[in-house]
């Protein structure tokens, strides 16, 4: 089975679900905070690695044999999809100021990024691709720099409210 099929549920959750939940949710989720200095390099690495992950999957096959790699990969992939869906549902309904602190955002400031990483690693395990796993790691390291830019932007936009949130909720897990 072609690895590109793994993208159908992921993109459905990532692109269609927010549009169904709230008028501006997809636009808000696709927003990138302004980047500065080396963050600009990270931004382009993030975008290019994301494209490469997507394209690579079309040249890979899902290995469906009964093995621990299949079960771990399937579990990670499905967990990533569920986490992504929960993140998007919660993200689609911010508080009055526009901040997301509800639901899963009470436990992680960046559950969507965590979901992407878990889902993409599941894809790498399901296809047994070391190259895809390396791309996912590059993607995640560059995502960290994007997150730092987002945190700076949130601090400017939401001020003390975001600072308190940042002090009480972890960046990832």
C-alpha atoms as a PDB file:
ATOM      1  CA  UNK A   1       0.000   0.000   0.000  1.00  0.00           C
ATOM      2  CA  UNK A   2       1.335   3.443  -0.939  1.00  0.00           C
ATOM      3  CA  UNK A   3       2.531   5.639   1.939  1.00  0.00           C
ATOM      4  CA  UNK A   4       0.807   8.661   0.423  1.00  0.00           C
ATOM      5  CA  UNK A   5      -2.480   7.217   1.660  1.00  0.00           C
ATOM      6  CA  UNK A   6      -1.383   8.060   5.201  1.00  0.00           C
ATOM      7  CA  UNK A   7      -1.744  11.734   4.316  1.00  0.00           C
ATOM      8  CA  UNK A   8      -5.474  11.545   3.572  1.00  0.00           C
ATOM      9  CA  UNK A   9      -6.685  11.362   7.198  1.00  0.00           C
ATOM     10  CA  UNK A  10      -3.905  13.696   8.355  1.00  0.00           C
ATOM     11  CA  UNK A  11      -4.749  16.408   5.827  1.00  0.00           C
ATOM     12  CA  UNK A  12      -8.470  15.909   6.402  1.00  0.00           C
ATOM     13  CA  UNK A  13      -8.004  16.572  10.101  1.00  0.00           C
ATOM     14  CA  UNK A  14      -5.512  19.377   9.523  1.00  0.00           C
ATOM     15  CA  UNK A  15      -7.346  21.235   6.744  1.00  0.00           C
ATOM     16  CA  UNK A  16     -11.032  20.294   6.739  1.00  0.00           C
ATOM     17  CA  UNK A  17     -11.813  19.858  10.440  1.00  0.00           C
ATOM     18  CA  UNK A  18     -10.906  23.451  11.452  1.00  0.00           C
ATOM     19  CA  UNK A  19     -13.059  24.834   8.634  1.00  0.00           C
ATOM     20  CA  UNK A  20     -16.024  22.846   9.915  1.00  0.00           C
ATOM     21  CA  UNK A  21     -15.555  23.949  13.520  1.00  0.00           C
ATOM     22  CA  UNK A  22     -15.126  27.714  13.276  1.00  0.00           C
ATOM     23  CA  UNK A  23     -15.079  30.327  10.555  1.00  0.00           C
ATOM     24  CA  UNK A  24     -11.515  31.536  11.167  1.00  0.00           C
ATOM     25  CA  UNK A  25      -9.953  28.384  12.698  1.00  0.00           C
ATOM     26  CA  UNK A  26      -8.032  27.268   9.608  1.00  0.00           C
ATOM     27  CA  UNK A  27      -6.695  30.758   8.988  1.00  0.00           C
ATOM     28  CA  UNK A  28      -5.598  31.039  12.638  1.00  0.00           C
ATOM     29  CA  UNK A  29      -3.983  27.578  12.581  1.00  0.00           C
ATOM     30  CA  UNK A  30      -2.084  28.387   9.388  1.00  0.00           C
ATOM     31  CA  UNK A  31      -0.766  31.692  10.773  1.00  0.00           C
ATOM     32  CA  UNK A  32       2.988  31.896  11.301  1.00  0.00           C
ATOM     33  CA  UNK A  33       4.285  34.421  13.784  1.00  0.00           C
ATOM     34  CA  UNK A  34       6.866  36.864  12.410  1.00  0.00           C
ATOM     35  CA  UNK A  35      10.338  35.325  12.457  1.00  0.00           C
ATOM     36  CA  UNK A  36      13.633  37.093  13.038  1.00  0.00           C
ATOM     37  CA  UNK A  37      17.273  36.330  12.356  1.00  0.00           C
ATOM     38  CA  UNK A  38      18.038  32.600  12.356  1.00  0.00           C
ATOM     39  CA  UNK A  39      14.352  31.850  12.808  1.00  0.00           C
ATOM     40  CA  UNK A  40      13.939  32.740   9.120  1.00  0.00           C
ATOM     41  CA  UNK A  41      16.264  29.869   8.208  1.00  0.00           C
ATOM     42  CA  UNK A  42      14.326  27.562  10.538  1.00  0.00           C
ATOM     43  CA  UNK A  43      11.083  28.681   8.911  1.00  0.00           C
ATOM     44  CA  UNK A  44      12.314  27.641   5.464  1.00  0.00           C
ATOM     45  CA  UNK A  45      13.760  24.384   6.763  1.00  0.00           C
ATOM     46  CA  UNK A  46      10.395  23.704   8.412  1.00  0.00           C
ATOM     47  CA  UNK A  47       8.480  24.377   5.187  1.00  0.00           C
ATOM     48  CA  UNK A  48      10.854  22.414   2.956  1.00  0.00           C
ATOM     49  CA  UNK A  49      11.050  19.431   5.315  1.00  0.00           C
ATOM     50  CA  UNK A  50       7.252  19.386   5.531  1.00  0.00           C
ATOM     51  CA  UNK A  51       6.975  19.310   1.735  1.00  0.00           C
ATOM     52  CA  UNK A  52       9.654  16.622   1.538  1.00  0.00           C
ATOM     53  CA  UNK A  53       7.865  14.479   4.136  1.00  0.00           C
ATOM     54  CA  UNK A  54       4.660  14.692   2.109  1.00  0.00           C
ATOM     55  CA  UNK A  55       6.348  13.965  -1.223  1.00  0.00           C
ATOM     56  CA  UNK A  56       8.497  11.134   0.171  1.00  0.00           C
ATOM     57  CA  UNK A  57       5.442   9.257   1.349  1.00  0.00           C
ATOM     58  CA  UNK A  58       4.271   8.818  -2.241  1.00  0.00           C
ATOM     59  CA  UNK A  59       7.478   6.896  -3.003  1.00  0.00           C
ATOM     60  CA  UNK A  60       7.269   4.664   0.068  1.00  0.00           C
ATOM     61  CA  UNK A  61       5.199   1.590   0.823  1.00  0.00           C
ATOM     62  CA  UNK A  62       3.423   0.868   4.091  1.00  0.00           C
ATOM     63  CA  UNK A  63       4.863  -2.345   5.532  1.00  0.00           C
ATOM     64  CA  UNK A  64       1.830  -4.242   6.842  1.00  0.00           C
ATOM     65  CA  UNK A  65       3.553  -7.365   8.128  1.00  0.00           C
ATOM     66  CA  UNK A  66       2.824  -8.468  11.662  1.00  0.00           C
ATOM     67  CA  UNK A  67       5.801  -7.067  13.556  1.00  0.00           C
ATOM     68  CA  UNK A  68       6.467  -4.821  16.522  1.00  0.00           C
ATOM     69  CA  UNK A  69       7.491  -2.005  14.133  1.00  0.00           C
ATOM     70  CA  UNK A  70       4.107  -2.173  12.447  1.00  0.00           C
ATOM     71  CA  UNK A  71       2.228  -2.042  15.753  1.00  0.00           C
ATOM     72  CA  UNK A  72       4.368   0.760  17.200  1.00  0.00           C
ATOM     73  CA  UNK A  73       4.100   2.705  13.927  1.00  0.00           C
ATOM     74  CA  UNK A  74       0.335   2.209  13.673  1.00  0.00           C
ATOM     75  CA  UNK A  75      -0.104   3.194  17.326  1.00  0.00           C
ATOM     76  CA  UNK A  76       1.997   6.340  16.896  1.00  0.00           C
ATOM     77  CA  UNK A  77       0.238   7.277  13.655  1.00  0.00           C
ATOM     78  CA  UNK A  78      -3.254   6.815  15.088  1.00  0.00           C
ATOM     79  CA  UNK A  79      -2.318   8.534  18.369  1.00  0.00           C
ATOM     80  CA  UNK A  80      -0.939  11.469  16.366  1.00  0.00           C
ATOM     81  CA  UNK A  81      -4.165  11.724  14.372  1.00  0.00           C
ATOM     82  CA  UNK A  82      -6.311  11.653  17.526  1.00  0.00           C
ATOM     83  CA  UNK A  83      -4.077  14.201  19.265  1.00  0.00           C
ATOM     84  CA  UNK A  84      -4.182  16.428  16.184  1.00  0.00           C
ATOM     85  CA  UNK A  85      -7.987  16.254  16.042  1.00  0.00           C
ATOM     86  CA  UNK A  86      -8.326  17.044  19.754  1.00  0.00           C
ATOM     87  CA  UNK A  87      -5.850  19.915  19.402  1.00  0.00           C
ATOM     88  CA  UNK A  88      -7.751  21.394  16.483  1.00  0.00           C
ATOM     89  CA  UNK A  89     -11.128  21.075  18.209  1.00  0.00           C
ATOM     90  CA  UNK A  90      -9.755  22.906  21.259  1.00  0.00           C
ATOM     91  CA  UNK A  91      -7.844  25.426  19.115  1.00  0.00           C
ATOM     92  CA  UNK A  92     -10.989  26.300  17.187  1.00  0.00           C
ATOM     93  CA  UNK A  93     -12.610  27.781  20.284  1.00  0.00           C
ATOM     94  CA  UNK A  94     -10.226  30.293  21.913  1.00  0.00           C
ATOM     95  CA  UNK A  95     -11.161  32.478  24.855  1.00  0.00           C
ATOM     96  CA  UNK A  96     -12.454  36.027  24.401  1.00  0.00           C
ATOM     97  CA  UNK A  97      -8.931  37.422  24.035  1.00  0.00           C
ATOM     98  CA  UNK A  98      -8.061  34.898  21.331  1.00  0.00           C
ATOM     99  CA  UNK A  99      -5.850  32.633  23.469  1.00  0.00           C
ATOM    100  CA  UNK A 100      -6.097  28.871  23.532  1.00  0.00           C
ATOM    101  CA  UNK A 101      -5.922  27.605  27.112  1.00  0.00           C
ATOM    102  CA  UNK A 102      -8.824  25.157  27.065  1.00  0.00           C
ATOM    103  CA  UNK A 103      -8.893  21.377  26.758  1.00  0.00           C
ATOM    104  CA  UNK A 104      -5.557  19.873  25.823  1.00  0.00           C
ATOM    105  CA  UNK A 105      -3.985  23.339  25.863  1.00  0.00           C
ATOM    106  CA  UNK A 106      -4.139  23.092  29.655  1.00  0.00           C
ATOM    107  CA  UNK A 107      -1.377  20.470  29.440  1.00  0.00           C
ATOM    108  CA  UNK A 108       0.685  21.541  26.440  1.00  0.00           C
ATOM    109  CA  UNK A 109       1.136  24.923  24.807  1.00  0.00           C
ATOM    110  CA  UNK A 110       1.864  23.247  21.464  1.00  0.00           C
ATOM    111  CA  UNK A 111      -0.170  20.043  21.166  1.00  0.00           C
ATOM    112  CA  UNK A 112      -0.528  20.378  17.387  1.00  0.00           C
ATOM    113  CA  UNK A 113       3.247  20.320  16.921  1.00  0.00           C
ATOM    114  CA  UNK A 114       3.458  17.317  19.250  1.00  0.00           C
ATOM    115  CA  UNK A 115       0.699  15.637  17.227  1.00  0.00           C
ATOM    116  CA  UNK A 116       2.516  16.268  13.935  1.00  0.00           C
ATOM    117  CA  UNK A 117       5.716  14.772  15.310  1.00  0.00           C
ATOM    118  CA  UNK A 118       3.998  11.657  16.694  1.00  0.00           C
ATOM    119  CA  UNK A 119       1.969  11.163  13.510  1.00  0.00           C
ATOM    120  CA  UNK A 120       4.958  11.682  11.191  1.00  0.00           C
ATOM    121  CA  UNK A 121       7.144   9.321  13.252  1.00  0.00           C
ATOM    122  CA  UNK A 122       4.349   6.779  12.983  1.00  0.00           C
ATOM    123  CA  UNK A 123       4.458   7.225   9.209  1.00  0.00           C
ATOM    124  CA  UNK A 124       8.234   6.708   9.216  1.00  0.00           C
ATOM    125  CA  UNK A 125       7.831   3.505  11.240  1.00  0.00           C
ATOM    126  CA  UNK A 126       4.969   2.228   9.073  1.00  0.00           C
ATOM    127  CA  UNK A 127       7.052   2.727   5.936  1.00  0.00           C
ATOM    128  CA  UNK A 128      10.262   1.639   7.715  1.00  0.00           C
ATOM    129  CA  UNK A 129      12.040   4.601   6.191  1.00  0.00           C
ATOM    130  CA  UNK A 130      15.146   5.859   7.951  1.00  0.00           C
ATOM    131  CA  UNK A 131      15.257   8.771   5.511  1.00  0.00           C
ATOM    132  CA  UNK A 132      11.724   9.796   6.442  1.00  0.00           C
ATOM    133  CA  UNK A 133      12.599   9.502  10.146  1.00  0.00           C
ATOM    134  CA  UNK A 134      15.538  11.867   9.600  1.00  0.00           C
ATOM    135  CA  UNK A 135      13.264  14.325   7.762  1.00  0.00           C
ATOM    136  CA  UNK A 136      10.800  14.179  10.662  1.00  0.00           C
ATOM    137  CA  UNK A 137      13.592  14.974  13.120  1.00  0.00           C
ATOM    138  CA  UNK A 138      14.740  17.908  10.970  1.00  0.00           C
ATOM    139  CA  UNK A 139      11.126  19.057  10.771  1.00  0.00           C
ATOM    140  CA  UNK A 140      10.757  18.898  14.555  1.00  0.00           C
ATOM    141  CA  UNK A 141      13.997  20.731  15.324  1.00  0.00           C
ATOM    142  CA  UNK A 142      13.020  23.527  12.936  1.00  0.00           C
ATOM    143  CA  UNK A 143       9.510  23.563  14.457  1.00  0.00           C
ATOM    144  CA  UNK A 144      11.087  24.356  17.826  1.00  0.00           C
ATOM    145  CA  UNK A 145      12.442  27.633  16.383  1.00  0.00           C
ATOM    146  CA  UNK A 146       9.019  28.425  14.910  1.00  0.00           C
ATOM    147  CA  UNK A 147       7.522  27.829  18.358  1.00  0.00           C
ATOM    148  CA  UNK A 148      10.016  30.233  19.937  1.00  0.00           C
ATOM    149  CA  UNK A 149       8.891  32.910  17.455  1.00  0.00           C
ATOM    150  CA  UNK A 150       5.246  32.134  18.254  1.00  0.00           C
ATOM    151  CA  UNK A 151       5.920  32.473  21.972  1.00  0.00           C
ATOM    152  CA  UNK A 152       7.520  35.865  21.461  1.00  0.00           C
ATOM    153  CA  UNK A 153       4.534  36.961  19.363  1.00  0.00           C
ATOM    154  CA  UNK A 154       2.033  35.639  21.953  1.00  0.00           C
ATOM    155  CA  UNK A 155       3.861  37.471  24.710  1.00  0.00           C
ATOM    156  CA  UNK A 156       3.611  40.712  22.713  1.00  0.00           C
ATOM    157  CA  UNK A 157      -0.053  40.142  21.838  1.00  0.00           C
ATOM    158  CA  UNK A 158      -1.399  38.734  25.121  1.00  0.00           C
ATOM    159  CA  UNK A 159       1.093  40.143  27.631  1.00  0.00           C
ATOM    160  CA  UNK A 160       0.878  39.051  31.259  1.00  0.00           C
ATOM    161  CA  UNK A 161      -1.958  36.598  30.578  1.00  0.00           C
ATOM    162  CA  UNK A 162       0.321  34.632  28.233  1.00  0.00           C
ATOM    163  CA  UNK A 163       3.274  34.926  30.618  1.00  0.00           C
ATOM    164  CA  UNK A 164       1.212  33.312  33.389  1.00  0.00           C
ATOM    165  CA  UNK A 165       0.061  30.606  30.983  1.00  0.00           C
ATOM    166  CA  UNK A 166       3.664  30.003  29.924  1.00  0.00           C
ATOM    167  CA  UNK A 167       4.727  29.608  33.553  1.00  0.00           C
ATOM    168  CA  UNK A 168       2.053  27.006  34.326  1.00  0.00           C
ATOM    169  CA  UNK A 169       1.819  24.949  31.106  1.00  0.00           C
ATOM    170  CA  UNK A 170       4.714  23.093  29.489  1.00  0.00           C
ATOM    171  CA  UNK A 171       5.855  23.878  25.979  1.00  0.00           C
ATOM    172  CA  UNK A 172       5.462  20.294  24.751  1.00  0.00           C
ATOM    173  CA  UNK A 173       4.517  17.536  27.202  1.00  0.00           C
END
